[in-house]
Amino acid sequence: MKPGGQPNMQQMMKQAQKMQQQLVAAQEELAATEVTGTAGGGLVSATVSGSGELLALEIKAEAVNPEDVETLQDLVVAAVRDANRAASELQERSMGPLAGGMGGLGLPGLG
């Protein structure tokens, strides 16, 4: 007679371990992926990693007006927000199915 529930628990742990490995691989891929956001019709662009780290900021010369620094500041903020939005969408596409699957196992800290 088999012990009740033991094989199922082992299977769940194997599944959790496999999903954890997939999650780590997806996180590494996100960190290596770059996305760019822009503002002002491309006058300012910000590049972030898929995990949301700001990597680069490009400001075209025509965006720089010493008489209107506030607009340039707004463009920088808008470009970074646009890049972060793109990174969030990428994270959701890459990690969403994995994170949802981990939570479905009912294991603490994985949902």
PDB file of N, CA and C in Angstrom:
ATOM      1  N   MET A   1       0.837  -1.193   0.000  1.00  0.00           N
ATOM      2  CA  MET A   1       0.000   0.000   0.000  1.00  0.00           C
ATOM      3  C   MET A   1       0.876   1.248   0.000  1.00  0.00           C
ATOM      4  N   LYS A   2       0.598   2.195  -0.876  1.00  0.00           N
ATOM      5  CA  LYS A   2       1.377   3.428  -0.971  1.00  0.00           C
ATOM      6  C   LYS A   2       1.000   4.383   0.158  1.00  0.00           C
ATOM      7  N   PRO A   3       1.981   5.116   0.681  1.00  0.00           N
ATOM      8  CA  PRO A   3       1.634   6.155   1.653  1.00  0.00           C
ATOM      9  C   PRO A   3       0.798   7.231   0.971  1.00  0.00           C
ATOM     10  N   GLY A   4      -0.297   7.618   1.577  1.00  0.00           N
ATOM     11  CA  GLY A   4      -1.207   8.587   0.975  1.00  0.00           C
ATOM     12  C   GLY A   4      -0.583   9.963   0.819  1.00  0.00           C
ATOM     13  N   GLY A   5      -0.606  10.480  -0.392  1.00  0.00           N
ATOM     14  CA  GLY A   5      -0.186  11.858  -0.645  1.00  0.00           C
ATOM     15  C   GLY A   5       1.303  12.055  -0.864  1.00  0.00           C
ATOM     16  N   GLN A   6       2.145  11.129  -0.498  1.00  0.00           N
ATOM     17  CA  GLN A   6       3.595  11.316  -0.604  1.00  0.00           C
ATOM     18  C   GLN A   6       4.047  11.537  -2.051  1.00  0.00           C
ATOM     19  N   PRO A   7       3.652  10.689  -3.008  1.00  0.00           N
ATOM     20  CA  PRO A   7       4.092  10.926  -4.386  1.00  0.00           C
ATOM     21  C   PRO A   7       3.603  12.270  -4.924  1.00  0.00           C
ATOM     22  N   ASN A   8       2.400  12.696  -4.560  1.00  0.00           N
ATOM     23  CA  ASN A   8       1.892  13.974  -5.037  1.00  0.00           C
ATOM     24  C   ASN A   8       2.740  15.133  -4.519  1.00  0.00           C
ATOM     25  N   MET A   9       3.161  15.068  -3.261  1.00  0.00           N
ATOM     26  CA  MET A   9       3.984  16.123  -2.685  1.00  0.00           C
ATOM     27  C   MET A   9       5.337  16.182  -3.397  1.00  0.00           C
ATOM     28  N   GLN A  10       5.915  15.017  -3.674  1.00  0.00           N
ATOM     29  CA  GLN A  10       7.187  14.982  -4.396  1.00  0.00           C
ATOM     30  C   GLN A  10       7.027  15.593  -5.792  1.00  0.00           C
ATOM     31  N   GLN A  11       5.926  15.256  -6.452  1.00  0.00           N
ATOM     32  CA  GLN A  11       5.670  15.797  -7.782  1.00  0.00           C
ATOM     33  C   GLN A  11       5.503  17.314  -7.719  1.00  0.00           C
ATOM     34  N   MET A  12       4.789  17.785  -6.702  1.00  0.00           N
ATOM     35  CA  MET A  12       4.602  19.233  -6.541  1.00  0.00           C
ATOM     36  C   MET A  12       5.936  19.934  -6.306  1.00  0.00           C
ATOM     37  N   MET A  13       6.809  19.328  -5.517  1.00  0.00           N
ATOM     38  CA  MET A  13       8.112  19.925  -5.247  1.00  0.00           C
ATOM     39  C   MET A  13       8.970  19.955  -6.516  1.00  0.00           C
ATOM     40  N   LYS A  14       8.908  18.890  -7.305  1.00  0.00           N
ATOM     41  CA  LYS A  14       9.637  18.870  -8.573  1.00  0.00           C
ATOM     42  C   LYS A  14       9.110  19.961  -9.508  1.00  0.00           C
ATOM     43  N   GLN A  15       7.784  20.099  -9.549  1.00  0.00           N
ATOM     44  CA  GLN A  15       7.177  21.124 -10.394  1.00  0.00           C
ATOM     45  C   GLN A  15       7.576  22.516  -9.913  1.00  0.00           C
ATOM     46  N   ALA A  16       7.569  22.716  -8.598  1.00  0.00           N
ATOM     47  CA  ALA A  16       7.953  24.014  -8.035  1.00  0.00           C
ATOM     48  C   ALA A  16       9.414  24.324  -8.354  1.00  0.00           C
ATOM     49  N   GLN A  17      10.271  23.328  -8.259  1.00  0.00           N
ATOM     50  CA  GLN A  17      11.691  23.522  -8.552  1.00  0.00           C
ATOM     51  C   GLN A  17      11.893  23.875 -10.028  1.00  0.00           C
ATOM     52  N   LYS A  18      11.174  23.189 -10.902  1.00  0.00           N
ATOM     53  CA  LYS A  18      11.273  23.474 -12.339  1.00  0.00           C
ATOM     54  C   LYS A  18      10.788  24.896 -12.637  1.00  0.00           C
ATOM     55  N   MET A  19       9.681  25.284 -12.032  1.00  0.00           N
ATOM     56  CA  MET A  19       9.147  26.630 -12.259  1.00  0.00           C
ATOM     57  C   MET A  19      10.098  27.689 -11.698  1.00  0.00           C
ATOM     58  N   GLN A  20      10.728  27.396 -10.575  1.00  0.00           N
ATOM     59  CA  GLN A  20      11.695  28.335  -9.994  1.00  0.00           C
ATOM     60  C   GLN A  20      12.866  28.532 -10.952  1.00  0.00           C
ATOM     61  N   GLN A  21      13.331  27.451 -11.573  1.00  0.00           N
ATOM     62  CA  GLN A  21      14.425  27.549 -12.548  1.00  0.00           C
ATOM     63  C   GLN A  21      13.994  28.387 -13.754  1.00  0.00           C
ATOM     64  N   GLN A  22      12.756  28.188 -14.209  1.00  0.00           N
ATOM     65  CA  GLN A  22      12.247  28.977 -15.335  1.00  0.00           C
ATOM     66  C   GLN A  22      12.133  30.448 -14.945  1.00  0.00           C
ATOM     67  N   LEU A  23      11.727  30.712 -13.714  1.00  0.00           N
ATOM     68  CA  LEU A  23      11.593  32.076 -13.222  1.00  0.00           C
ATOM     69  C   LEU A  23      12.956  32.769 -13.191  1.00  0.00           C
ATOM     70  N   VAL A  24      13.970  32.075 -12.697  1.00  0.00           N
ATOM     71  CA  VAL A  24      15.324  32.636 -12.648  1.00  0.00           C
ATOM     72  C   VAL A  24      15.823  32.913 -14.069  1.00  0.00           C
ATOM     73  N   ALA A  25      15.586  31.990 -14.990  1.00  0.00           N
ATOM     74  CA  ALA A  25      16.018  32.190 -16.379  1.00  0.00           C
ATOM     75  C   ALA A  25      15.310  33.396 -16.994  1.00  0.00           C
ATOM     76  N   ALA A  26      14.011  33.541 -16.721  1.00  0.00           N
ATOM     77  CA  ALA A  26      13.264  34.685 -17.244  1.00  0.00           C
ATOM     78  C   ALA A  26      13.779  35.988 -16.651  1.00  0.00           C
ATOM     79  N   GLN A  27      14.124  35.993 -15.363  1.00  0.00           N
ATOM     80  CA  GLN A  27      14.661  37.195 -14.722  1.00  0.00           C
ATOM     81  C   GLN A  27      16.000  37.589 -15.343  1.00  0.00           C
ATOM     82  N   GLU A  28      16.841  36.586 -15.617  1.00  0.00           N
ATOM     83  CA  GLU A  28      18.138  36.860 -16.244  1.00  0.00           C
ATOM     84  C   GLU A  28      17.955  37.425 -17.649  1.00  0.00           C
ATOM     85  N   GLU A  29      16.990  36.867 -18.377  1.00  0.00           N
ATOM     86  CA  GLU A  29      16.717  37.351 -19.730  1.00  0.00           C
ATOM     87  C   GLU A  29      16.203  38.793 -19.684  1.00  0.00           C
ATOM     88  N   LEU A  30      15.339  39.091 -18.727  1.00  0.00           N
ATOM     89  CA  LEU A  30      14.828  40.459 -18.572  1.00  0.00           C
ATOM     90  C   LEU A  30      15.958  41.436 -18.292  1.00  0.00           C
ATOM     91  N   ALA A  31      16.864  41.056 -17.405  1.00  0.00           N
ATOM     92  CA  ALA A  31      17.972  41.943 -17.047  1.00  0.00           C
ATOM     93  C   ALA A  31      18.858  42.238 -18.259  1.00  0.00           C
ATOM     94  N   ALA A  32      18.929  41.292 -19.198  1.00  0.00           N
ATOM     95  CA  ALA A  32      19.770  41.464 -20.381  1.00  0.00           C
ATOM     96  C   ALA A  32      19.046  42.167 -21.529  1.00  0.00           C
ATOM     97  N   THR A  33      17.731  42.337 -21.412  1.00  0.00           N
ATOM     98  CA  THR A  33      16.941  42.955 -22.472  1.00  0.00           C
ATOM     99  C   THR A  33      16.848  44.463 -22.237  1.00  0.00           C
ATOM    100  N   GLU A  34      16.921  45.226 -23.300  1.00  0.00           N
ATOM    101  CA  GLU A  34      16.804  46.677 -23.197  1.00  0.00           C
ATOM    102  C   GLU A  34      15.550  47.147 -23.924  1.00  0.00           C
ATOM    103  N   VAL A  35      14.861  48.120 -23.313  1.00  0.00           N
ATOM    104  CA  VAL A  35      13.713  48.757 -23.953  1.00  0.00           C
ATOM    105  C   VAL A  35      13.926  50.258 -23.877  1.00  0.00           C
ATOM    106  N   THR A  36      13.371  50.974 -24.851  1.00  0.00           N
ATOM    107  CA  THR A  36      13.564  52.410 -24.920  1.00  0.00           C
ATOM    108  C   THR A  36      12.216  53.116 -24.916  1.00  0.00           C
ATOM    109  N   GLY A  37      12.158  54.200 -24.172  1.00  0.00           N
ATOM    110  CA  GLY A  37      10.990  55.068 -24.166  1.00  0.00           C
ATOM    111  C   GLY A  37      11.405  56.428 -24.680  1.00  0.00           C
ATOM    112  N   THR A  38      10.462  57.146 -25.283  1.00  0.00           N
ATOM    113  CA  THR A  38      10.786  58.455 -25.834  1.00  0.00           C
ATOM    114  C   THR A  38       9.752  59.484 -25.406  1.00  0.00           C
ATOM    115  N   ALA A  39      10.129  60.741 -25.586  1.00  0.00           N
ATOM    116  CA  ALA A  39       9.222  61.863 -25.330  1.00  0.00           C
ATOM    117  C   ALA A  39       9.597  62.994 -26.271  1.00  0.00           C
ATOM    118  N   GLY A  40       8.632  63.879 -26.490  1.00  0.00           N
ATOM    119  CA  GLY A  40       8.894  65.034 -27.342  1.00  0.00           C
ATOM    120  C   GLY A  40       9.203  64.656 -28.770  1.00  0.00           C
ATOM    121  N   GLY A  41       8.521  63.632 -29.262  1.00  0.00           N
ATOM    122  CA  GLY A  41       8.762  63.219 -30.646  1.00  0.00           C
ATOM    123  C   GLY A  41      10.166  62.697 -30.868  1.00  0.00           C
ATOM    124  N   GLY A  42      10.768  62.104 -29.835  1.00  0.00           N
ATOM    125  CA  GLY A  42      12.112  61.554 -29.960  1.00  0.00           C
ATOM    126  C   GLY A  42      13.215  62.490 -29.516  1.00  0.00           C
ATOM    127  N   LEU A  43      12.855  63.680 -29.008  1.00  0.00           N
ATOM    128  CA  LEU A  43      13.885  64.603 -28.532  1.00  0.00           C
ATOM    129  C   LEU A  43      14.638  64.036 -27.335  1.00  0.00           C
ATOM    130  N   VAL A  44      13.929  63.258 -26.520  1.00  0.00           N
ATOM    131  CA  VAL A  44      14.549  62.621 -25.358  1.00  0.00           C
ATOM    132  C   VAL A  44      14.198  61.143 -25.402  1.00  0.00           C
ATOM    133  N   SER A  45      15.208  60.298 -25.197  1.00  0.00           N
ATOM    134  CA  SER A  45      14.943  58.866 -25.119  1.00  0.00           C
ATOM    135  C   SER A  45      15.666  58.294 -23.909  1.00  0.00           C
ATOM    136  N   ALA A  46      15.015  57.336 -23.286  1.00  0.00           N
ATOM    137  CA  ALA A  46      15.577  56.663 -22.120  1.00  0.00           C
ATOM    138  C   ALA A  46      15.577  55.168 -22.406  1.00  0.00           C
ATOM    139  N   THR A  47      16.675  54.523 -22.061  1.00  0.00           N
ATOM    140  CA  THR A  47      16.788  53.087 -22.235  1.00  0.00           C
ATOM    141  C   THR A  47      16.906  52.455 -20.860  1.00  0.00           C
ATOM    142  N   VAL A  48      16.064  51.459 -20.622  1.00  0.00           N
ATOM    143  CA  VAL A  48      16.098  50.727 -19.357  1.00  0.00           C
ATOM    144  C   VAL A  48      16.227  49.243 -19.651  1.00  0.00           C
ATOM    145  N   SER A  49      16.720  48.516 -18.658  1.00  0.00           N
ATOM    146  CA  SER A  49      16.748  47.065 -18.791  1.00  0.00           C
ATOM    147  C   SER A  49      15.330  46.551 -18.605  1.00  0.00           C
ATOM    148  N   GLY A  50      15.099  45.322 -18.999  1.00  0.00           N
ATOM    149  CA  GLY A  50      13.789  44.718 -18.815  1.00  0.00           C
ATOM    150  C   GLY A  50      13.385  44.644 -17.357  1.00  0.00           C
ATOM    151  N   SER A  51      14.363  44.715 -16.463  1.00  0.00           N
ATOM    152  CA  SER A  51      14.063  44.705 -15.034  1.00  0.00           C
ATOM    153  C   SER A  51      13.865  46.116 -14.487  1.00  0.00           C
ATOM    154  N   GLY A  52      13.991  47.143 -15.352  1.00  0.00           N
ATOM    155  CA  GLY A  52      13.667  48.512 -14.958  1.00  0.00           C
ATOM    156  C   GLY A  52      14.838  49.393 -14.583  1.00  0.00           C
ATOM    157  N   GLU A  53      16.060  48.929 -14.742  1.00  0.00           N
ATOM    158  CA  GLU A  53      17.235  49.744 -14.412  1.00  0.00           C
ATOM    159  C   GLU A  53      17.526  50.726 -15.549  1.00  0.00           C
ATOM    160  N   LEU A  54      17.643  52.021 -15.222  1.00  0.00           N
ATOM    161  CA  LEU A  54      17.958  53.031 -16.226  1.00  0.00           C
ATOM    162  C   LEU A  54      19.389  52.812 -16.714  1.00  0.00           C
ATOM    163  N   LEU A  55      19.538  52.613 -18.019  1.00  0.00           N
ATOM    164  CA  LEU A  55      20.844  52.326 -18.606  1.00  0.00           C
ATOM    165  C   LEU A  55      21.413  53.501 -19.374  1.00  0.00           C
ATOM    166  N   ALA A  56      20.551  54.266 -20.035  1.00  0.00           N
ATOM    167  CA  ALA A  56      21.031  55.369 -20.867  1.00  0.00           C
ATOM    168  C   ALA A  56      19.939  56.419 -21.010  1.00  0.00           C
ATOM    169  N   LEU A  57      20.376  57.639 -21.209  1.00  0.00           N
ATOM    170  CA  LEU A  57      19.470  58.757 -21.445  1.00  0.00           C
ATOM    171  C   LEU A  57      20.075  59.593 -22.562  1.00  0.00           C
ATOM    172  N   GLU A  58      19.298  59.814 -23.622  1.00  0.00           N
ATOM    173  CA  GLU A  58      19.784  60.603 -24.751  1.00  0.00           C
ATOM    174  C   GLU A  58      18.905  61.838 -24.904  1.00  0.00           C
ATOM    175  N   ILE A  59      19.556  62.989 -24.987  1.00  0.00           N
ATOM    176  CA  ILE A  59      18.847  64.255 -25.163  1.00  0.00           C
ATOM    177  C   ILE A  59      19.414  64.922 -26.412  1.00  0.00           C
ATOM    178  N   LYS A  60      18.557  65.131 -27.399  1.00  0.00           N
ATOM    179  CA  LYS A  60      19.005  65.797 -28.621  1.00  0.00           C
ATOM    180  C   LYS A  60      19.214  67.284 -28.333  1.00  0.00           C
ATOM    181  N   ALA A  61      20.162  67.870 -29.018  1.00  0.00           N
ATOM    182  CA  ALA A  61      20.544  69.263 -28.786  1.00  0.00           C
ATOM    183  C   ALA A  61      19.366  70.221 -28.910  1.00  0.00           C
ATOM    184  N   GLU A  62      18.464  69.953 -29.847  1.00  0.00           N
ATOM    185  CA  GLU A  62      17.341  70.868 -30.047  1.00  0.00           C
ATOM    186  C   GLU A  62      16.355  70.851 -28.874  1.00  0.00           C
ATOM    187  N   ALA A  63      16.496  69.880 -27.961  1.00  0.00           N
ATOM    188  CA  ALA A  63      15.636  69.830 -26.771  1.00  0.00           C
ATOM    189  C   ALA A  63      16.159  70.747 -25.668  1.00  0.00           C
ATOM    190  N   VAL A  64      17.395  71.190 -25.810  1.00  0.00           N
ATOM    191  CA  VAL A  64      18.023  72.004 -24.765  1.00  0.00           C
ATOM    192  C   VAL A  64      17.790  73.482 -25.039  1.00  0.00           C
ATOM    193  N   ASN A  65      17.032  74.108 -24.145  1.00  0.00           N
ATOM    194  CA  ASN A  65      16.765  75.541 -24.217  1.00  0.00           C
ATOM    195  C   ASN A  65      17.007  76.107 -22.827  1.00  0.00           C
ATOM    196  N   PRO A  66      18.101  76.851 -22.644  1.00  0.00           N
ATOM    197  CA  PRO A  66      18.408  77.388 -21.319  1.00  0.00           C
ATOM    198  C   PRO A  66      17.281  78.262 -20.741  1.00  0.00           C
ATOM    199  N   GLU A  67      16.426  78.777 -21.600  1.00  0.00           N
ATOM    200  CA  GLU A  67      15.316  79.610 -21.158  1.00  0.00           C
ATOM    201  C   GLU A  67      14.125  78.779 -20.662  1.00  0.00           C
ATOM    202  N   ASP A  68      14.156  77.476 -20.978  1.00  0.00           N
ATOM    203  CA  ASP A  68      13.016  76.620 -20.632  1.00  0.00           C
ATOM    204  C   ASP A  68      13.504  75.255 -20.143  1.00  0.00           C
ATOM    205  N   VAL A  69      14.169  75.244 -19.023  1.00  0.00           N
ATOM    206  CA  VAL A  69      14.698  74.010 -18.445  1.00  0.00           C
ATOM    207  C   VAL A  69      13.569  73.083 -17.990  1.00  0.00           C
ATOM    208  N   GLU A  70      12.453  73.660 -17.555  1.00  0.00           N
ATOM    209  CA  GLU A  70      11.344  72.854 -17.057  1.00  0.00           C
ATOM    210  C   GLU A  70      10.797  71.891 -18.116  1.00  0.00           C
ATOM    211  N   THR A  71      10.703  72.343 -19.351  1.00  0.00           N
ATOM    212  CA  THR A  71      10.210  71.467 -20.417  1.00  0.00           C
ATOM    213  C   THR A  71      11.153  70.293 -20.613  1.00  0.00           C
ATOM    214  N   LEU A  72      12.444  70.560 -20.602  1.00  0.00           N
ATOM    215  CA  LEU A  72      13.429  69.482 -20.749  1.00  0.00           C
ATOM    216  C   LEU A  72      13.302  68.490 -19.586  1.00  0.00           C
ATOM    217  N   GLN A  73      13.139  68.996 -18.392  1.00  0.00           N
ATOM    218  CA  GLN A  73      12.963  68.112 -17.242  1.00  0.00           C
ATOM    219  C   GLN A  73      11.719  67.240 -17.420  1.00  0.00           C
ATOM    220  N   ASP A  74      10.634  67.843 -17.872  1.00  0.00           N
ATOM    221  CA  ASP A  74       9.392  67.094 -18.108  1.00  0.00           C
ATOM    222  C   ASP A  74       9.590  66.019 -19.178  1.00  0.00           C
ATOM    223  N   LEU A  75      10.339  66.360 -20.232  1.00  0.00           N
ATOM    224  CA  LEU A  75      10.606  65.387 -21.291  1.00  0.00           C
ATOM    225  C   LEU A  75      11.426  64.209 -20.772  1.00  0.00           C
ATOM    226  N   VAL A  76      12.399  64.492 -19.923  1.00  0.00           N
ATOM    227  CA  VAL A  76      13.222  63.421 -19.348  1.00  0.00           C
ATOM    228  C   VAL A  76      12.347  62.492 -18.501  1.00  0.00           C
ATOM    229  N   VAL A  77      11.528  63.078 -17.647  1.00  0.00           N
ATOM    230  CA  VAL A  77      10.641  62.273 -16.800  1.00  0.00           C
ATOM    231  C   VAL A  77       9.699  61.444 -17.676  1.00  0.00           C
ATOM    232  N   ALA A  78       9.138  62.054 -18.706  1.00  0.00           N
ATOM    233  CA  ALA A  78       8.205  61.345 -19.589  1.00  0.00           C
ATOM    234  C   ALA A  78       8.897  60.195 -20.319  1.00  0.00           C
ATOM    235  N   ALA A  79      10.116  60.413 -20.781  1.00  0.00           N
ATOM    236  CA  ALA A  79      10.847  59.360 -21.497  1.00  0.00           C
ATOM    237  C   ALA A  79      11.174  58.195 -20.559  1.00  0.00           C
ATOM    238  N   VAL A  80      11.574  58.498 -19.324  1.00  0.00           N
ATOM    239  CA  VAL A  80      11.880  57.439 -18.364  1.00  0.00           C
ATOM    240  C   VAL A  80      10.610  56.672 -18.007  1.00  0.00           C
ATOM    241  N   ARG A  81       9.516  57.395 -17.825  1.00  0.00           N
ATOM    242  CA  ARG A  81       8.237  56.720 -17.536  1.00  0.00           C
ATOM    243  C   ARG A  81       7.825  55.818 -18.696  1.00  0.00           C
ATOM    244  N   ASP A  82       8.004  56.300 -19.914  1.00  0.00           N
ATOM    245  CA  ASP A  82       7.646  55.510 -21.091  1.00  0.00           C
ATOM    246  C   ASP A  82       8.498  54.244 -21.152  1.00  0.00           C
ATOM    247  N   ALA A  83       9.783  54.371 -20.875  1.00  0.00           N
ATOM    248  CA  ALA A  83      10.669  53.203 -20.878  1.00  0.00           C
ATOM    249  C   ALA A  83      10.286  52.233 -19.765  1.00  0.00           C
ATOM    250  N   ASN A  84       9.975  52.754 -18.589  1.00  0.00           N
ATOM    251  CA  ASN A  84       9.578  51.890 -17.476  1.00  0.00           C
ATOM    252  C   ASN A  84       8.255  51.178 -17.764  1.00  0.00           C
ATOM    253  N   ARG A  85       7.334  51.867 -18.439  1.00  0.00           N
ATOM    254  CA  ARG A  85       6.080  51.233 -18.829  1.00  0.00           C
ATOM    255  C   ARG A  85       6.359  50.073 -19.767  1.00  0.00           C
ATOM    256  N   ALA A  86       7.249  50.298 -20.734  1.00  0.00           N
ATOM    257  CA  ALA A  86       7.606  49.235 -21.674  1.00  0.00           C
ATOM    258  C   ALA A  86       8.273  48.069 -20.938  1.00  0.00           C
ATOM    259  N   ALA A  87       9.128  48.377 -19.960  1.00  0.00           N
ATOM    260  CA  ALA A  87       9.776  47.325 -19.175  1.00  0.00           C
ATOM    261  C   ALA A  87       8.744  46.546 -18.362  1.00  0.00           C
ATOM    262  N   SER A  88       7.765  47.245 -17.802  1.00  0.00           N
ATOM    263  CA  SER A  88       6.713  46.572 -17.027  1.00  0.00           C
ATOM    264  C   SER A  88       5.895  45.630 -17.909  1.00  0.00           C
ATOM    265  N   GLU A  89       5.584  46.083 -19.111  1.00  0.00           N
ATOM    266  CA  GLU A  89       4.845  45.231 -20.044  1.00  0.00           C
ATOM    267  C   GLU A  89       5.667  43.997 -20.412  1.00  0.00           C
ATOM    268  N   LEU A  90       6.956  44.206 -20.617  1.00  0.00           N
ATOM    269  CA  LEU A  90       7.847  43.092 -20.927  1.00  0.00           C
ATOM    270  C   LEU A  90       7.909  42.119 -19.748  1.00  0.00           C
ATOM    271  N   GLN A  91       8.003  42.654 -18.543  1.00  0.00           N
ATOM    272  CA  GLN A  91       8.018  41.802 -17.346  1.00  0.00           C
ATOM    273  C   GLN A  91       6.734  40.991 -17.248  1.00  0.00           C
ATOM    274  N   GLU A  92       5.612  41.635 -17.498  1.00  0.00           N
ATOM    275  CA  GLU A  92       4.323  40.957 -17.394  1.00  0.00           C
ATOM    276  C   GLU A  92       4.235  39.823 -18.420  1.00  0.00           C
ATOM    277  N   ARG A  93       4.690  40.093 -19.642  1.00  0.00           N
ATOM    278  CA  ARG A  93       4.659  39.055 -20.678  1.00  0.00           C
ATOM    279  C   ARG A  93       5.609  37.914 -20.335  1.00  0.00           C
ATOM    280  N   SER A  94       6.781  38.252 -19.801  1.00  0.00           N
ATOM    281  CA  SER A  94       7.798  37.235 -19.526  1.00  0.00           C
ATOM    282  C   SER A  94       7.558  36.486 -18.225  1.00  0.00           C
ATOM    283  N   MET A  95       7.170  37.218 -17.198  1.00  0.00           N
ATOM    284  CA  MET A  95       7.093  36.640 -15.856  1.00  0.00           C
ATOM    285  C   MET A  95       5.671  36.272 -15.444  1.00  0.00           C
ATOM    286  N   GLY A  96       4.676  36.926 -16.019  1.00  0.00           N
ATOM    287  CA  GLY A  96       3.297  36.706 -15.607  1.00  0.00           C
ATOM    288  C   GLY A  96       2.883  35.251 -15.572  1.00  0.00           C
ATOM    289  N   PRO A  97       3.065  34.516 -16.662  1.00  0.00           N
ATOM    290  CA  PRO A  97       2.643  33.115 -16.650  1.00  0.00           C
ATOM    291  C   PRO A  97       3.403  32.287 -15.607  1.00  0.00           C
ATOM    292  N   LEU A  98       4.682  32.586 -15.422  1.00  0.00           N
ATOM    293  CA  LEU A  98       5.470  31.833 -14.443  1.00  0.00           C
ATOM    294  C   LEU A  98       5.054  32.168 -13.022  1.00  0.00           C
ATOM    295  N   ALA A  99       4.897  33.441 -12.732  1.00  0.00           N
ATOM    296  CA  ALA A  99       4.520  33.851 -11.376  1.00  0.00           C
ATOM    297  C   ALA A  99       3.140  33.320 -11.031  1.00  0.00           C
ATOM    298  N   GLY A 100       2.216  33.350 -11.981  1.00  0.00           N
ATOM    299  CA  GLY A 100       0.885  32.818 -11.746  1.00  0.00           C
ATOM    300  C   GLY A 100       0.921  31.324 -11.480  1.00  0.00           C
ATOM    301  N   GLY A 101       1.768  30.627 -12.186  1.00  0.00           N
ATOM    302  CA  GLY A 101       1.887  29.187 -11.982  1.00  0.00           C
ATOM    303  C   GLY A 101       2.466  28.845 -10.635  1.00  0.00           C
ATOM    304  N   MET A 102       3.411  29.643 -10.153  1.00  0.00           N
ATOM    305  CA  MET A 102       4.001  29.389  -8.849  1.00  0.00           C
ATOM    306  C   MET A 102       2.974  29.574  -7.756  1.00  0.00           C
ATOM    307  N   GLY A 103       2.153  30.596  -7.868  1.00  0.00           N
ATOM    308  CA  GLY A 103       1.128  30.856  -6.857  1.00  0.00           C
ATOM    309  C   GLY A 103       0.092  29.752  -6.830  1.00  0.00           C
ATOM    310  N   GLY A 104      -0.130  29.131  -7.977  1.00  0.00           N
ATOM    311  CA  GLY A 104      -1.119  28.086  -8.068  1.00  0.00           C
ATOM    312  C   GLY A 104      -0.750  26.811  -7.330  1.00  0.00           C
ATOM    313  N   LEU A 105       0.519  26.709  -6.940  1.00  0.00           N
ATOM    314  CA  LEU A 105       0.942  25.523  -6.216  1.00  0.00           C
ATOM    315  C   LEU A 105       0.567  25.571  -4.745  1.00  0.00           C
ATOM    316  N   GLY A 106       0.197  26.750  -4.276  1.00  0.00           N
ATOM    317  CA  GLY A 106      -0.174  26.887  -2.877  1.00  0.00           C
ATOM    318  C   GLY A 106       1.016  26.847  -1.942  1.00  0.00           C
ATOM    319  N   LEU A 107       2.203  27.124  -2.458  1.00  0.00           N
ATOM    320  CA  LEU A 107       3.386  27.122  -1.621  1.00  0.00           C
ATOM    321  C   LEU A 107       3.670  28.535  -1.104  1.00  0.00           C
ATOM    322  N   PRO A 108       3.960  28.678   0.168  1.00  0.00           N
ATOM    323  CA  PRO A 108       4.189  30.011   0.733  1.00  0.00           C
ATOM    324  C   PRO A 108       5.362  30.706   0.044  1.00  0.00           C
ATOM    325  N   GLY A 109       5.209  32.004  -0.184  1.00  0.00           N
ATOM    326  CA  GLY A 109       6.277  32.803  -0.749  1.00  0.00           C
ATOM    327  C   GLY A 109       6.402  32.710  -2.244  1.00  0.00           C
ATOM    328  N   LEU A 110       5.583  31.904  -2.886  1.00  0.00           N
ATOM    329  CA  LEU A 110       5.681  31.755  -4.322  1.00  0.00           C
ATOM    330  C   LEU A 110       4.497  32.339  -5.062  1.00  0.00           C
ATOM    331  N   GLY A 111       3.545  32.891  -4.339  1.00  0.00           N
ATOM    332  CA  GLY A 111       2.352  33.406  -5.017  1.00  0.00           C
ATOM    333  C   GLY A 111       2.224  34.872  -4.923  1.00  0.00           C
TER     334      GLY A 111
END
